Amino acid sequence: MSQKDGQGRTIKSDEKLFDIVEFIRENEDVGVTEIAEGVGMAKSTAHGHLTALQRRGYVVKEGRKYRLGLEFLNHGKHVQTSYDLYSIAPKKVKQLAHETGERVWCIVEENGLGYYLTGAEGEHPVNPPVRIGEGVHLHTISAGKAILANLPRSRVEEIIERHGLPEQTQNTTTREDELFQELETSRDRGYAINDGESLSGLYAIGAPIVGENDEVRGALSISGPANRLRREEISGELVDLLLGATNELEINLTTL
């Protein structure tokens, strides 16, 4: 009934249940036969899992097709608002997006990945294929590298061991020694850079939000077209605005 992986003991039925949820999320409206084939289980077993999920509101059956239910949104909002940072970040993120005209994100680290906690777009935003709640590899984005740069080296090594350093574009840093060198540079200057490492042609700068006892609470990033944001006068102005915003959030966190 159980198997072991890199994270310890797991229960096969639990793994299969989450496989079903993820399959439905990735493929949207799907039937039980598609689900069973997609996750590699008997149709009767898949139907049993789906019945349990439907009874608890996690999937909705429309005709012969299944989609995810709003119970996930209920849990998602609970998780989102459980972060102290979320109580103050949205207003600052919107302000920063208005001031810069670019897209601004606030991300947090959880289980070694970066999750988009909140975001806003300015007058001339790019629209990368990411959404609130999505998890990404920290080494591929500026906010993620800003977080990594301020974590203990042992913690960064744990994250790399668990998730690796997969390549997302030809510019992605995939060597551990190069990443640590980049993180040192980012830590010294106070912000990190994403130069087409998550999406070709995208440029972003990210700065950490550090709380009491040097605990990294999250990070902000400003992103836009590389041919615009790389320009020295624009880049310098964005850095000043970004560092001012993260500093303000750090101060406000101490009052919560």
Protein backbone atom coordinates (compact mmCIF):
# COMPACT_ATOMS: atom_id res chain seq x y z
CA MET A 1 0.00 0.00 0.00
CA SER A 2 2.95 2.34 0.23
CA GLN A 3 6.09 3.30 -1.61
CA LYS A 4 9.11 5.46 -0.86
CA ASP A 5 10.42 8.42 -2.80
CA GLY A 6 13.03 11.13 -2.17
CA GLN A 7 10.80 12.76 0.42
CA GLY A 8 10.05 9.64 2.46
CA ARG A 9 7.05 7.35 2.75
CA THR A 10 4.00 8.05 0.58
CA ILE A 11 0.65 6.31 0.17
CA LYS A 12 -0.10 5.16 -3.38
CA SER A 13 -3.80 5.96 -3.15
CA ASP A 14 -2.98 9.51 -2.05
CA GLU A 15 -0.57 9.92 -4.95
CA LYS A 16 -3.20 8.68 -7.40
CA LEU A 17 -5.83 11.01 -5.99
CA PHE A 18 -3.58 14.00 -6.60
CA ASP A 19 -2.68 12.63 -10.03
CA ILE A 20 -6.39 12.78 -10.88
CA VAL A 21 -6.74 16.35 -9.62
CA GLU A 22 -3.70 17.50 -11.59
CA PHE A 23 -4.84 15.65 -14.72
CA ILE A 24 -8.23 17.38 -14.60
CA ARG A 25 -6.57 20.75 -14.03
CA GLU A 26 -4.25 20.31 -17.00
CA ASN A 27 -6.89 18.90 -19.37
CA GLU A 28 -10.02 20.72 -18.14
CA ASP A 29 -13.30 18.92 -18.96
CA VAL A 30 -12.50 15.20 -19.21
CA GLY A 31 -14.36 11.92 -18.87
CA VAL A 32 -13.62 9.06 -16.53
CA THR A 33 -12.08 6.94 -19.30
CA GLU A 34 -9.65 9.71 -20.23
CA ILE A 35 -8.77 10.24 -16.59
CA ALA A 36 -8.20 6.55 -15.92
CA GLU A 37 -5.95 6.20 -18.96
CA GLY A 38 -4.16 9.45 -18.21
CA VAL A 39 -3.18 8.51 -14.66
CA GLY A 40 -2.76 4.80 -15.28
CA MET A 41 -5.49 3.17 -13.21
CA ALA A 42 -8.59 1.05 -13.67
CA LYS A 43 -11.70 2.92 -14.73
CA SER A 44 -13.60 1.64 -11.68
CA THR A 45 -10.87 2.93 -9.36
CA ALA A 46 -10.85 6.32 -11.05
CA HIS A 47 -14.63 6.49 -10.75
CA GLY A 48 -14.40 5.78 -7.02
CA HIS A 49 -11.91 8.62 -6.52
CA LEU A 50 -14.05 10.97 -8.60
CA THR A 51 -17.17 10.12 -6.61
CA ALA A 52 -15.38 11.00 -3.36
CA LEU A 53 -14.02 14.24 -4.83
CA GLN A 54 -17.44 15.19 -6.18
CA ARG A 55 -19.13 14.48 -2.85
CA ARG A 56 -16.75 16.91 -1.12
CA GLY A 57 -17.04 19.60 -3.80
CA TYR A 58 -13.58 19.25 -5.31
CA VAL A 59 -14.83 18.18 -8.73
CA VAL A 60 -18.03 18.92 -10.63
CA LYS A 61 -19.62 16.48 -13.04
CA GLU A 62 -21.32 18.04 -16.04
CA GLY A 63 -22.83 15.40 -18.27
CA ARG A 64 -20.06 12.83 -18.53
CA LYS A 65 -17.24 15.28 -18.02
CA TYR A 66 -15.46 16.37 -14.86
CA ARG A 67 -13.89 19.70 -13.95
CA LEU A 68 -12.37 21.02 -10.73
CA GLY A 69 -14.80 22.54 -8.22
CA LEU A 70 -14.79 25.83 -6.36
CA GLU A 71 -13.91 24.11 -3.10
CA PHE A 72 -10.30 24.49 -4.28
CA LEU A 73 -10.84 28.25 -4.49
CA ASN A 74 -12.15 28.19 -0.93
CA HIS A 75 -8.96 26.54 0.27
CA GLY A 76 -6.81 28.67 -2.02
CA LYS A 77 -8.13 31.94 -0.59
CA HIS A 78 -7.60 30.60 2.91
CA VAL A 79 -3.98 29.78 2.14
CA GLN A 80 -3.41 33.11 0.40
CA THR A 81 -4.75 35.18 3.29
CA SER A 82 -2.84 33.11 5.85
CA TYR A 83 0.33 34.95 4.81
CA ASP A 84 0.83 38.15 6.80
CA LEU A 85 2.43 39.62 3.72
CA TYR A 86 -0.83 39.33 1.80
CA SER A 87 -2.55 41.80 4.13
CA ILE A 88 -0.21 44.59 2.99
CA ALA A 89 1.31 43.52 -0.33
CA PRO A 90 -1.58 43.97 -2.83
CA LYS A 91 -1.86 47.73 -2.26
CA LYS A 92 1.89 48.25 -2.63
CA VAL A 93 2.05 45.97 -5.68
CA LYS A 94 -0.71 47.97 -7.39
CA GLN A 95 1.02 51.24 -6.54
CA LEU A 96 4.33 49.99 -7.92
CA ALA A 97 2.67 48.78 -11.10
CA HIS A 98 1.06 52.22 -11.53
CA GLU A 99 4.35 54.03 -10.92
CA THR A 100 6.37 51.88 -13.31
CA GLY A 101 3.77 51.03 -15.94
CA GLU A 102 5.04 47.43 -15.81
CA ARG A 103 3.88 44.13 -14.37
CA VAL A 104 4.63 43.62 -10.69
CA TRP A 105 4.51 40.37 -8.73
CA CYS A 106 4.83 39.42 -5.08
CA ILE A 107 5.99 35.86 -4.55
CA VAL A 108 6.70 33.67 -1.54
CA GLU A 109 8.73 30.50 -1.15
CA GLU A 110 7.02 27.31 -0.07
CA ASN A 111 8.41 23.78 -0.23
CA GLY A 112 11.30 25.01 -2.35
CA LEU A 113 9.21 26.64 -5.08
CA GLY A 114 8.14 30.22 -5.67
CA TYR A 115 4.41 30.94 -5.59
CA TYR A 116 2.74 34.03 -7.01
CA LEU A 117 0.89 35.52 -4.04
CA THR A 118 -0.45 38.64 -5.72
CA GLY A 119 0.23 40.75 -8.79
CA ALA A 120 -0.79 43.84 -10.73
CA GLU A 121 -0.23 45.31 -14.16
CA GLY A 122 0.69 48.85 -15.16
CA GLU A 123 -0.07 50.77 -18.32
CA HIS A 124 2.26 48.77 -20.57
CA PRO A 125 2.50 45.29 -19.03
CA VAL A 126 3.74 42.09 -20.59
CA ASN A 127 1.52 39.09 -20.03
CA PRO A 128 3.64 36.04 -19.21
CA PRO A 129 1.79 32.71 -18.97
CA VAL A 130 1.66 32.63 -15.17
CA ARG A 131 -1.14 33.16 -12.67
CA ILE A 132 -1.77 33.76 -8.98
CA GLY A 133 -1.06 30.59 -7.02
CA GLU A 134 1.21 29.05 -9.63
CA GLY A 135 4.46 27.51 -8.44
CA VAL A 136 7.70 28.07 -10.36
CA HIS A 137 11.36 27.17 -9.96
CA LEU A 138 13.02 29.88 -7.92
CA HIS A 139 16.23 29.99 -9.98
CA THR A 140 14.36 31.02 -13.14
CA ILE A 141 12.83 34.31 -11.93
CA SER A 142 14.26 37.46 -10.39
CA ALA A 143 12.08 37.38 -7.27
CA GLY A 144 12.97 33.74 -6.78
CA LYS A 145 16.68 34.43 -7.01
CA ALA A 146 16.27 37.34 -4.61
CA ILE A 147 14.79 34.90 -2.12
CA LEU A 148 17.48 32.27 -2.70
CA ALA A 149 20.20 34.89 -2.27
CA ASN A 150 18.99 35.56 1.27
CA LEU A 151 18.48 31.98 2.41
CA PRO A 152 21.20 29.97 4.17
CA ARG A 153 23.38 28.09 1.70
CA SER A 154 22.30 24.78 3.23
CA ARG A 155 18.66 25.60 2.50
CA VAL A 156 19.45 26.52 -1.10
CA GLU A 157 21.31 23.24 -1.50
CA GLU A 158 18.26 21.37 -0.17
CA ILE A 159 16.04 23.13 -2.71
CA ILE A 160 18.41 22.28 -5.56
CA GLU A 161 18.58 18.65 -4.45
CA ARG A 162 14.79 18.43 -4.37
CA HIS A 163 13.86 20.37 -7.49
CA GLY A 164 17.05 20.54 -9.53
CA LEU A 165 17.95 23.43 -11.83
CA PRO A 166 15.89 22.71 -14.94
CA GLU A 167 16.41 24.82 -18.03
CA GLN A 168 13.49 27.01 -19.04
CA THR A 169 15.24 29.02 -21.76
CA GLN A 170 18.76 29.01 -23.14
CA ASN A 171 19.60 31.76 -20.64
CA THR A 172 18.55 29.81 -17.53
CA THR A 173 21.34 29.15 -15.06
CA THR A 174 21.55 25.36 -14.72
CA ARG A 175 24.94 24.92 -13.04
CA GLU A 176 25.04 25.03 -9.26
CA ASP A 177 28.38 26.84 -9.02
CA GLU A 178 27.21 29.55 -11.42
CA LEU A 179 23.97 29.98 -9.52
CA PHE A 180 25.74 30.46 -6.18
CA GLN A 181 28.03 33.03 -7.76
CA GLU A 182 25.01 34.89 -9.13
CA LEU A 183 23.24 34.72 -5.77
CA GLU A 184 26.26 36.27 -4.07
CA THR A 185 26.21 39.15 -6.56
CA SER A 186 22.48 39.60 -6.06
CA ARG A 187 22.84 39.64 -2.27
CA ASP A 188 25.62 42.26 -2.43
CA ARG A 189 23.72 44.68 -4.66
CA GLY A 190 20.32 44.10 -3.02
CA TYR A 191 18.38 42.79 -6.01
CA ALA A 192 18.39 39.99 -8.58
CA ILE A 193 17.97 40.01 -12.36
CA ASN A 194 16.07 37.75 -14.74
CA ASP A 195 17.37 38.36 -18.25
CA GLY A 196 15.29 36.06 -20.42
CA GLU A 197 15.74 33.10 -18.05
CA SER A 198 12.07 32.31 -17.56
CA LEU A 199 10.77 33.64 -20.88
CA SER A 200 12.79 34.77 -23.86
CA GLY A 201 12.71 38.54 -24.26
CA LEU A 202 11.53 39.18 -20.70
CA TYR A 203 13.62 41.22 -18.27
CA ALA A 204 12.87 41.52 -14.58
CA ILE A 205 14.40 42.74 -11.36
CA GLY A 206 13.49 41.29 -7.98
CA ALA A 207 14.23 42.27 -4.40
CA PRO A 208 13.66 40.34 -1.16
CA ILE A 209 11.29 41.25 1.63
CA VAL A 210 13.19 40.43 4.81
CA GLY A 211 11.53 40.34 8.18
CA GLU A 212 12.80 40.18 11.70
CA ASN A 213 15.75 37.87 12.43
CA ASP A 214 16.68 38.08 8.73
CA GLU A 215 13.78 35.80 7.78
CA VAL A 216 12.92 36.03 4.06
CA ARG A 217 9.19 36.69 3.88
CA GLY A 218 8.91 36.98 0.10
CA ALA A 219 10.02 39.17 -2.79
CA LEU A 220 8.75 41.73 -5.28
CA SER A 221 9.59 41.84 -8.96
CA ILE A 222 9.09 44.27 -11.85
CA SER A 223 9.09 42.75 -15.32
CA GLY A 224 8.80 43.94 -18.89
CA PRO A 225 10.29 43.70 -22.38
CA ALA A 226 14.06 43.33 -22.27
CA ASN A 227 14.64 45.98 -24.95
CA ARG A 228 12.92 48.54 -22.72
CA LEU A 229 13.87 47.61 -19.19
CA ARG A 230 17.55 46.97 -19.90
CA ARG A 231 18.10 50.65 -20.70
CA GLU A 232 20.29 52.14 -18.00
CA GLU A 233 18.12 55.12 -17.12
CA ILE A 234 14.97 52.98 -16.85
CA SER A 235 16.69 50.15 -15.00
CA GLY A 236 18.13 52.53 -12.39
CA GLU A 237 14.78 54.18 -11.78
CA LEU A 238 13.04 50.81 -11.43
CA VAL A 239 15.62 49.59 -8.92
CA ASP A 240 15.05 52.65 -6.72
CA LEU A 241 11.27 52.17 -6.81
CA LEU A 242 11.57 48.44 -6.16
CA LEU A 243 13.89 48.80 -3.18
CA GLY A 244 11.72 51.55 -1.74
CA ALA A 245 8.65 49.30 -2.00
CA THR A 246 10.30 46.28 -0.38
CA ASN A 247 11.70 48.44 2.41
CA GLU A 248 8.24 49.84 3.11
CA LEU A 249 6.76 46.34 3.26
CA GLU A 250 9.52 45.23 5.62
CA ILE A 251 8.73 48.10 7.98
CA ASN A 252 4.99 47.44 7.83
CA LEU A 253 5.52 43.73 8.57
CA THR A 254 7.00 44.63 11.95
CA THR A 255 3.69 46.23 12.99
CA LEU A 256 1.51 43.21 12.19
